[in-house]
């Protein structure tokens, strides 16, 4: 019988990886002047991606 792991560890990893990916995406969009690279835009994108990941994968 395999263990699924601690949900807290999965949530922290989800948030960290979403933050890293969102930073790269927002930086790329700001490079092409499609979005501004601010803490708010990175945090909003990371939160949206983390929620989407949670709903699609972890649920």
N, C-alpha and C. Protein backbone atom coordinates (compact mmCIF):
# COMPACT_ATOMS: atom_id res chain seq x y z
N UNK A 1 0.84 -1.16 0.00
CA UNK A 1 0.00 0.00 0.00
C UNK A 1 0.89 1.24 0.00
N UNK A 2 0.74 2.08 -1.01
CA UNK A 2 1.57 3.28 -1.16
C UNK A 2 0.93 4.47 -0.45
N UNK A 3 1.77 5.34 0.03
CA UNK A 3 1.30 6.55 0.70
C UNK A 3 1.18 7.69 -0.31
N UNK A 4 0.13 8.50 -0.18
CA UNK A 4 -0.04 9.65 -1.07
C UNK A 4 0.80 10.83 -0.64
N UNK A 5 1.33 10.83 0.54
CA UNK A 5 2.14 11.93 1.04
C UNK A 5 1.30 12.92 1.83
N UNK A 6 1.99 13.83 2.46
CA UNK A 6 1.35 14.85 3.27
C UNK A 6 0.83 15.96 2.36
N UNK A 7 -0.44 16.31 2.50
CA UNK A 7 -1.05 17.31 1.65
C UNK A 7 -0.40 18.67 1.82
N UNK A 8 0.12 18.96 3.02
CA UNK A 8 0.79 20.26 3.25
C UNK A 8 2.04 20.39 2.41
N UNK A 9 2.79 19.31 2.28
CA UNK A 9 3.99 19.33 1.45
C UNK A 9 3.61 19.53 -0.01
N UNK A 10 2.57 18.86 -0.44
CA UNK A 10 2.11 19.03 -1.82
C UNK A 10 1.64 20.46 -2.10
N UNK A 11 0.95 21.05 -1.16
CA UNK A 11 0.48 22.42 -1.35
C UNK A 11 1.63 23.42 -1.38
N UNK A 12 2.62 23.24 -0.52
CA UNK A 12 3.78 24.13 -0.52
C UNK A 12 4.56 23.99 -1.83
N UNK A 13 4.75 22.77 -2.28
CA UNK A 13 5.44 22.57 -3.56
C UNK A 13 4.65 23.17 -4.71
N UNK A 14 3.34 23.03 -4.67
CA UNK A 14 2.48 23.62 -5.69
C UNK A 14 2.64 25.13 -5.71
N UNK A 15 2.63 25.75 -4.55
CA UNK A 15 2.77 27.21 -4.49
C UNK A 15 4.15 27.67 -4.96
N UNK A 16 5.19 26.97 -4.54
CA UNK A 16 6.55 27.36 -4.93
C UNK A 16 6.77 27.21 -6.44
N UNK A 17 6.33 26.09 -6.98
CA UNK A 17 6.51 25.89 -8.42
C UNK A 17 5.62 26.83 -9.24
N UNK A 18 4.44 27.12 -8.74
CA UNK A 18 3.57 28.08 -9.42
C UNK A 18 4.19 29.47 -9.39
N UNK A 19 4.79 29.84 -8.29
CA UNK A 19 5.44 31.14 -8.18
C UNK A 19 6.63 31.24 -9.13
N UNK A 20 7.42 30.20 -9.21
CA UNK A 20 8.57 30.21 -10.12
C UNK A 20 8.11 30.29 -11.57
N UNK A 21 7.14 29.49 -11.94
CA UNK A 21 6.64 29.51 -13.31
C UNK A 21 5.98 30.85 -13.64
N UNK A 22 5.23 31.39 -12.71
CA UNK A 22 4.56 32.67 -12.93
C UNK A 22 5.57 33.80 -13.09
N UNK A 23 6.65 33.75 -12.34
CA UNK A 23 7.70 34.76 -12.48
C UNK A 23 8.28 34.75 -13.88
N UNK A 24 8.54 33.57 -14.40
CA UNK A 24 9.09 33.46 -15.76
C UNK A 24 8.07 33.93 -16.80
N UNK A 25 6.81 33.56 -16.63
CA UNK A 25 5.78 33.94 -17.59
C UNK A 25 5.57 35.44 -17.60
N UNK A 26 5.44 36.04 -16.42
CA UNK A 26 5.21 37.49 -16.35
C UNK A 26 6.44 38.25 -16.83
N UNK A 27 7.63 37.75 -16.52
CA UNK A 27 8.84 38.39 -17.04
C UNK A 27 8.86 38.34 -18.58
N UNK A 28 8.48 37.19 -19.15
CA UNK A 28 8.43 37.08 -20.60
C UNK A 28 7.40 38.01 -21.21
N UNK A 29 6.25 38.13 -20.58
CA UNK A 29 5.23 39.06 -21.08
C UNK A 29 5.69 40.50 -20.97
N UNK A 30 6.40 40.83 -19.90
CA UNK A 30 6.90 42.19 -19.76
C UNK A 30 8.04 42.47 -20.75
N UNK A 31 8.76 41.45 -21.12
CA UNK A 31 9.83 41.60 -22.11
C UNK A 31 9.26 42.05 -23.46
N UNK A 32 8.07 41.56 -23.79
CA UNK A 32 7.41 41.93 -25.03
C UNK A 32 6.37 43.04 -24.83
N UNK A 33 6.42 43.71 -23.67
CA UNK A 33 5.53 44.82 -23.32
C UNK A 33 4.06 44.44 -23.38
N UNK A 34 3.73 43.24 -22.98
CA UNK A 34 2.35 42.79 -22.93
C UNK A 34 1.77 42.86 -21.52
N UNK A 35 2.63 42.94 -20.51
CA UNK A 35 2.21 43.05 -19.12
C UNK A 35 3.33 43.72 -18.33
N UNK A 36 2.98 44.25 -17.18
CA UNK A 36 4.01 44.86 -16.34
C UNK A 36 4.51 43.84 -15.31
N UNK A 37 5.80 43.86 -15.09
CA UNK A 37 6.41 42.93 -14.15
C UNK A 37 6.38 43.57 -12.77
N UNK A 38 5.33 43.25 -12.02
CA UNK A 38 5.18 43.75 -10.66
C UNK A 38 4.93 42.57 -9.73
N UNK A 39 5.12 42.83 -8.46
CA UNK A 39 4.87 41.79 -7.46
C UNK A 39 3.40 41.36 -7.49
N UNK A 40 2.53 42.31 -7.71
CA UNK A 40 1.10 42.01 -7.74
C UNK A 40 0.74 41.11 -8.92
N UNK A 41 1.30 41.38 -10.10
CA UNK A 41 0.98 40.56 -11.26
C UNK A 41 1.56 39.15 -11.13
N UNK A 42 2.74 39.04 -10.57
CA UNK A 42 3.34 37.72 -10.35
C UNK A 42 2.54 36.94 -9.31
N UNK A 43 2.15 37.60 -8.22
CA UNK A 43 1.40 36.93 -7.17
C UNK A 43 0.02 36.50 -7.66
N UNK A 44 -0.64 37.35 -8.43
CA UNK A 44 -1.96 37.00 -8.97
C UNK A 44 -1.87 35.82 -9.92
N UNK A 45 -0.89 35.83 -10.78
CA UNK A 45 -0.70 34.73 -11.72
C UNK A 45 -0.35 33.44 -10.97
N UNK A 46 0.50 33.53 -9.97
CA UNK A 46 0.89 32.35 -9.20
C UNK A 46 -0.30 31.78 -8.44
N UNK A 47 -1.10 32.63 -7.86
CA UNK A 47 -2.28 32.16 -7.12
C UNK A 47 -3.27 31.48 -8.06
N UNK A 48 -3.50 32.08 -9.21
CA UNK A 48 -4.43 31.49 -10.18
C UNK A 48 -3.91 30.14 -10.66
N UNK A 49 -2.62 30.05 -10.93
CA UNK A 49 -2.04 28.80 -11.39
C UNK A 49 -2.06 27.74 -10.30
N UNK A 50 -1.81 28.13 -9.06
CA UNK A 50 -1.84 27.18 -7.94
C UNK A 50 -3.24 26.63 -7.72
N UNK A 51 -4.24 27.49 -7.80
CA UNK A 51 -5.62 27.03 -7.64
C UNK A 51 -6.01 26.11 -8.79
N UNK A 52 -5.65 26.47 -9.99
CA UNK A 52 -5.95 25.64 -11.15
C UNK A 52 -5.26 24.27 -11.03
N UNK A 53 -4.01 24.27 -10.61
CA UNK A 53 -3.29 23.02 -10.42
C UNK A 53 -3.94 22.16 -9.34
N UNK A 54 -4.32 22.80 -8.24
CA UNK A 54 -4.97 22.07 -7.16
C UNK A 54 -6.27 21.42 -7.63
N UNK A 55 -7.05 22.18 -8.36
CA UNK A 55 -8.35 21.66 -8.82
C UNK A 55 -8.18 20.54 -9.84
N UNK A 56 -7.21 20.65 -10.72
CA UNK A 56 -7.05 19.66 -11.78
C UNK A 56 -6.25 18.44 -11.38
N UNK A 57 -5.26 18.62 -10.50
CA UNK A 57 -4.34 17.53 -10.22
C UNK A 57 -4.53 16.94 -8.82
N UNK A 58 -4.55 17.78 -7.82
CA UNK A 58 -4.53 17.29 -6.45
C UNK A 58 -5.90 16.88 -5.94
N UNK A 59 -6.95 17.34 -6.52
CA UNK A 59 -8.30 17.02 -6.05
C UNK A 59 -8.69 15.66 -6.49
